[in-house]
């Protein structure tokens, strides 16, 4: 007899690519890729956040430079693979620039996150993993089930 696998249900997903390093100037990544980042910062830049209540909180300055681009605002799908493919489609025309960046010792990672009532992270098709590998990227994934996400909100102060 074969055991039935539990049905995996995902309600949200997003993915991001990050280039980071102690001395990274995110402008260098923008110029190399010719893509708009969703977030950048330089080492030593102050970390200022506005809370929902409108107060300004200051955290220790950034200890590294970062350039990141996310699918969150651009892809409307609960399927993580759709988000990862969108990122790869954005990067593939600039494959030589991506290769040059990581050959110049600029660490990069691609990360996908999904959420839903299942605790099991989604698996990516081998074709997607191969496309990422062709760019010199590995894809990490995470799954947040609804109960964990709600528990994480408890005690959160704004």
Protein backbone atom coordinates (compact mmCIF):
# COMPACT_ATOMS: atom_id res chain seq x y z
CA UNK A 1 0.00 0.00 0.00
CA UNK A 2 1.07 3.53 -0.76
CA UNK A 3 0.79 6.25 1.86
CA UNK A 4 -0.90 9.39 0.62
CA UNK A 5 1.20 12.53 0.83
CA UNK A 6 -0.55 15.37 2.63
CA UNK A 7 -1.81 18.02 0.23
CA UNK A 8 0.36 21.12 0.43
CA UNK A 9 -1.55 24.38 0.40
CA UNK A 10 0.22 27.72 0.09
CA UNK A 11 -1.52 31.05 0.44
CA UNK A 12 1.39 33.44 -0.15
CA UNK A 13 4.88 33.39 -1.59
CA UNK A 14 7.70 35.71 -2.58
CA UNK A 15 11.34 35.46 -3.58
CA UNK A 16 14.36 37.75 -3.58
CA UNK A 17 17.91 37.99 -4.85
CA UNK A 18 20.47 39.68 -2.64
CA UNK A 19 24.01 40.81 -3.34
CA UNK A 20 25.90 41.69 -0.18
CA UNK A 21 29.35 42.35 1.19
CA UNK A 22 31.28 44.37 3.75
CA UNK A 23 32.41 46.91 1.18
CA UNK A 24 29.63 46.49 -1.37
CA UNK A 25 28.37 49.70 -2.93
CA UNK A 26 24.86 48.83 -4.14
CA UNK A 27 25.20 51.38 -6.95
CA UNK A 28 27.81 49.05 -8.51
CA UNK A 29 25.20 46.27 -8.67
CA UNK A 30 22.55 48.57 -10.12
CA UNK A 31 24.97 49.75 -12.81
CA UNK A 32 26.06 46.18 -13.62
CA UNK A 33 22.56 44.66 -13.78
CA UNK A 34 20.61 47.66 -15.06
CA UNK A 35 17.74 46.52 -12.82
CA UNK A 36 15.99 48.58 -10.13
CA UNK A 37 16.52 47.29 -6.59
CA UNK A 38 13.76 47.10 -4.00
CA UNK A 39 16.20 47.81 -1.15
CA UNK A 40 19.78 49.01 -0.87
CA UNK A 41 22.07 50.17 1.88
CA UNK A 42 25.77 50.78 2.41
CA UNK A 43 27.93 49.74 5.34
CA UNK A 44 27.70 52.35 8.08
CA UNK A 45 24.38 53.74 6.85
CA UNK A 46 21.96 54.42 9.72
CA UNK A 47 19.05 52.01 10.19
CA UNK A 48 15.96 54.11 10.77
CA UNK A 49 12.47 52.63 10.82
CA UNK A 50 9.07 54.25 11.22
CA UNK A 51 6.70 52.21 13.38
CA UNK A 52 3.01 51.84 12.57
CA UNK A 53 2.36 54.35 15.32
CA UNK A 54 4.55 56.86 13.47
CA UNK A 55 7.52 56.83 15.84
CA UNK A 56 11.09 56.69 14.53
CA UNK A 57 13.28 53.89 15.87
CA UNK A 58 17.01 53.88 15.31
CA UNK A 59 18.94 50.63 15.22
CA UNK A 60 22.68 50.03 14.94
CA UNK A 61 24.12 51.06 11.57
CA UNK A 62 24.30 48.48 8.78
CA UNK A 63 27.47 46.37 8.99
CA UNK A 64 27.53 45.48 5.28
CA UNK A 65 26.33 46.71 1.91
CA UNK A 66 23.22 45.18 0.31
CA UNK A 67 21.35 45.29 -2.99
CA UNK A 68 18.11 43.29 -3.19
CA UNK A 69 15.24 42.77 -5.58
CA UNK A 70 12.03 41.02 -4.59
CA UNK A 71 9.07 39.53 -6.42
CA UNK A 72 6.70 40.55 -3.62
CA UNK A 73 5.19 43.62 -5.36
CA UNK A 74 5.45 42.26 -8.91
CA UNK A 75 4.12 38.69 -8.84
CA UNK A 76 0.63 37.77 -7.65
CA UNK A 77 0.79 34.03 -7.03
CA UNK A 78 0.90 31.72 -4.00
CA UNK A 79 3.23 29.41 -5.98
CA UNK A 80 6.87 29.91 -4.99
CA UNK A 81 8.21 28.58 -8.29
CA UNK A 82 6.40 31.40 -10.15
CA UNK A 83 8.24 33.95 -7.99
CA UNK A 84 11.63 32.29 -8.44
CA UNK A 85 11.12 32.07 -12.21
CA UNK A 86 10.23 35.77 -12.34
CA UNK A 87 13.51 36.63 -10.59
CA UNK A 88 15.49 34.37 -12.89
CA UNK A 89 13.76 35.88 -15.93
CA UNK A 90 14.81 39.32 -14.70
CA UNK A 91 18.42 38.23 -14.21
CA UNK A 92 19.03 35.96 -17.22
CA UNK A 93 19.49 38.79 -19.76
CA UNK A 94 22.30 40.02 -17.49
CA UNK A 95 23.87 36.61 -16.82
CA UNK A 96 27.40 37.81 -17.61
CA UNK A 97 27.03 40.69 -15.13
CA UNK A 98 25.73 38.29 -12.44
CA UNK A 99 28.70 36.00 -13.10
CA UNK A 100 31.14 38.92 -12.95
CA UNK A 101 29.69 40.10 -9.64
CA UNK A 102 30.07 36.77 -7.88
CA UNK A 103 33.47 36.17 -9.49
CA UNK A 104 34.50 39.52 -8.00
CA UNK A 105 33.67 37.99 -4.59
CA UNK A 106 30.29 39.67 -4.23
CA UNK A 107 28.24 37.05 -2.39
CA UNK A 108 24.70 36.53 -3.69
CA UNK A 109 21.78 34.43 -2.61
CA UNK A 110 18.32 33.72 -3.89
CA UNK A 111 15.70 33.04 -1.30
CA UNK A 112 12.05 32.05 -1.52
CA UNK A 113 9.46 32.04 1.21
CA UNK A 114 5.92 30.71 1.22
CA UNK A 115 3.20 30.52 3.81
CA UNK A 116 0.05 28.54 4.35
CA UNK A 117 -1.51 25.94 6.62
CA UNK A 118 1.10 23.30 5.75
CA UNK A 119 4.42 23.16 7.63
CA UNK A 120 6.21 21.63 4.62
CA UNK A 121 8.24 23.89 2.34
CA UNK A 122 7.52 23.69 -1.37
CA UNK A 123 9.88 21.85 -3.65
CA UNK A 124 11.17 23.54 -6.77
CA UNK A 125 11.21 21.85 -10.17
CA UNK A 126 14.67 20.70 -11.25
CA UNK A 127 14.41 23.03 -14.27
CA UNK A 128 14.14 26.05 -11.96
CA UNK A 129 17.06 24.88 -9.83
CA UNK A 130 19.11 24.31 -13.00
CA UNK A 131 18.31 27.83 -14.28
CA UNK A 132 19.46 29.29 -10.96
CA UNK A 133 22.59 27.16 -11.03
CA UNK A 134 23.36 28.38 -14.56
CA UNK A 135 23.54 31.88 -13.06
CA UNK A 136 25.76 30.63 -10.24
CA UNK A 137 22.94 30.90 -7.71
CA UNK A 138 21.52 28.47 -5.20
CA UNK A 139 17.93 28.86 -4.03
CA UNK A 140 17.06 28.59 -0.37
CA UNK A 141 13.44 28.17 0.72
CA UNK A 142 11.44 28.61 3.88
CA UNK A 143 7.86 27.79 4.82
CA UNK A 144 5.86 29.61 7.45
CA UNK A 145 2.69 27.90 8.52
CA UNK A 146 -0.18 30.10 9.66
CA UNK A 147 0.12 29.10 13.33
CA UNK A 148 3.85 29.96 13.45
CA UNK A 149 3.25 33.28 11.68
CA UNK A 150 0.51 34.25 14.17
CA UNK A 151 2.69 33.18 17.12
CA UNK A 152 5.48 35.37 15.76
CA UNK A 153 3.16 38.39 15.83
CA UNK A 154 2.38 38.01 19.53
CA UNK A 155 4.31 40.47 21.61
CA UNK A 156 5.35 42.53 18.58
CA UNK A 157 5.45 46.15 19.61
CA UNK A 158 5.14 49.11 17.30
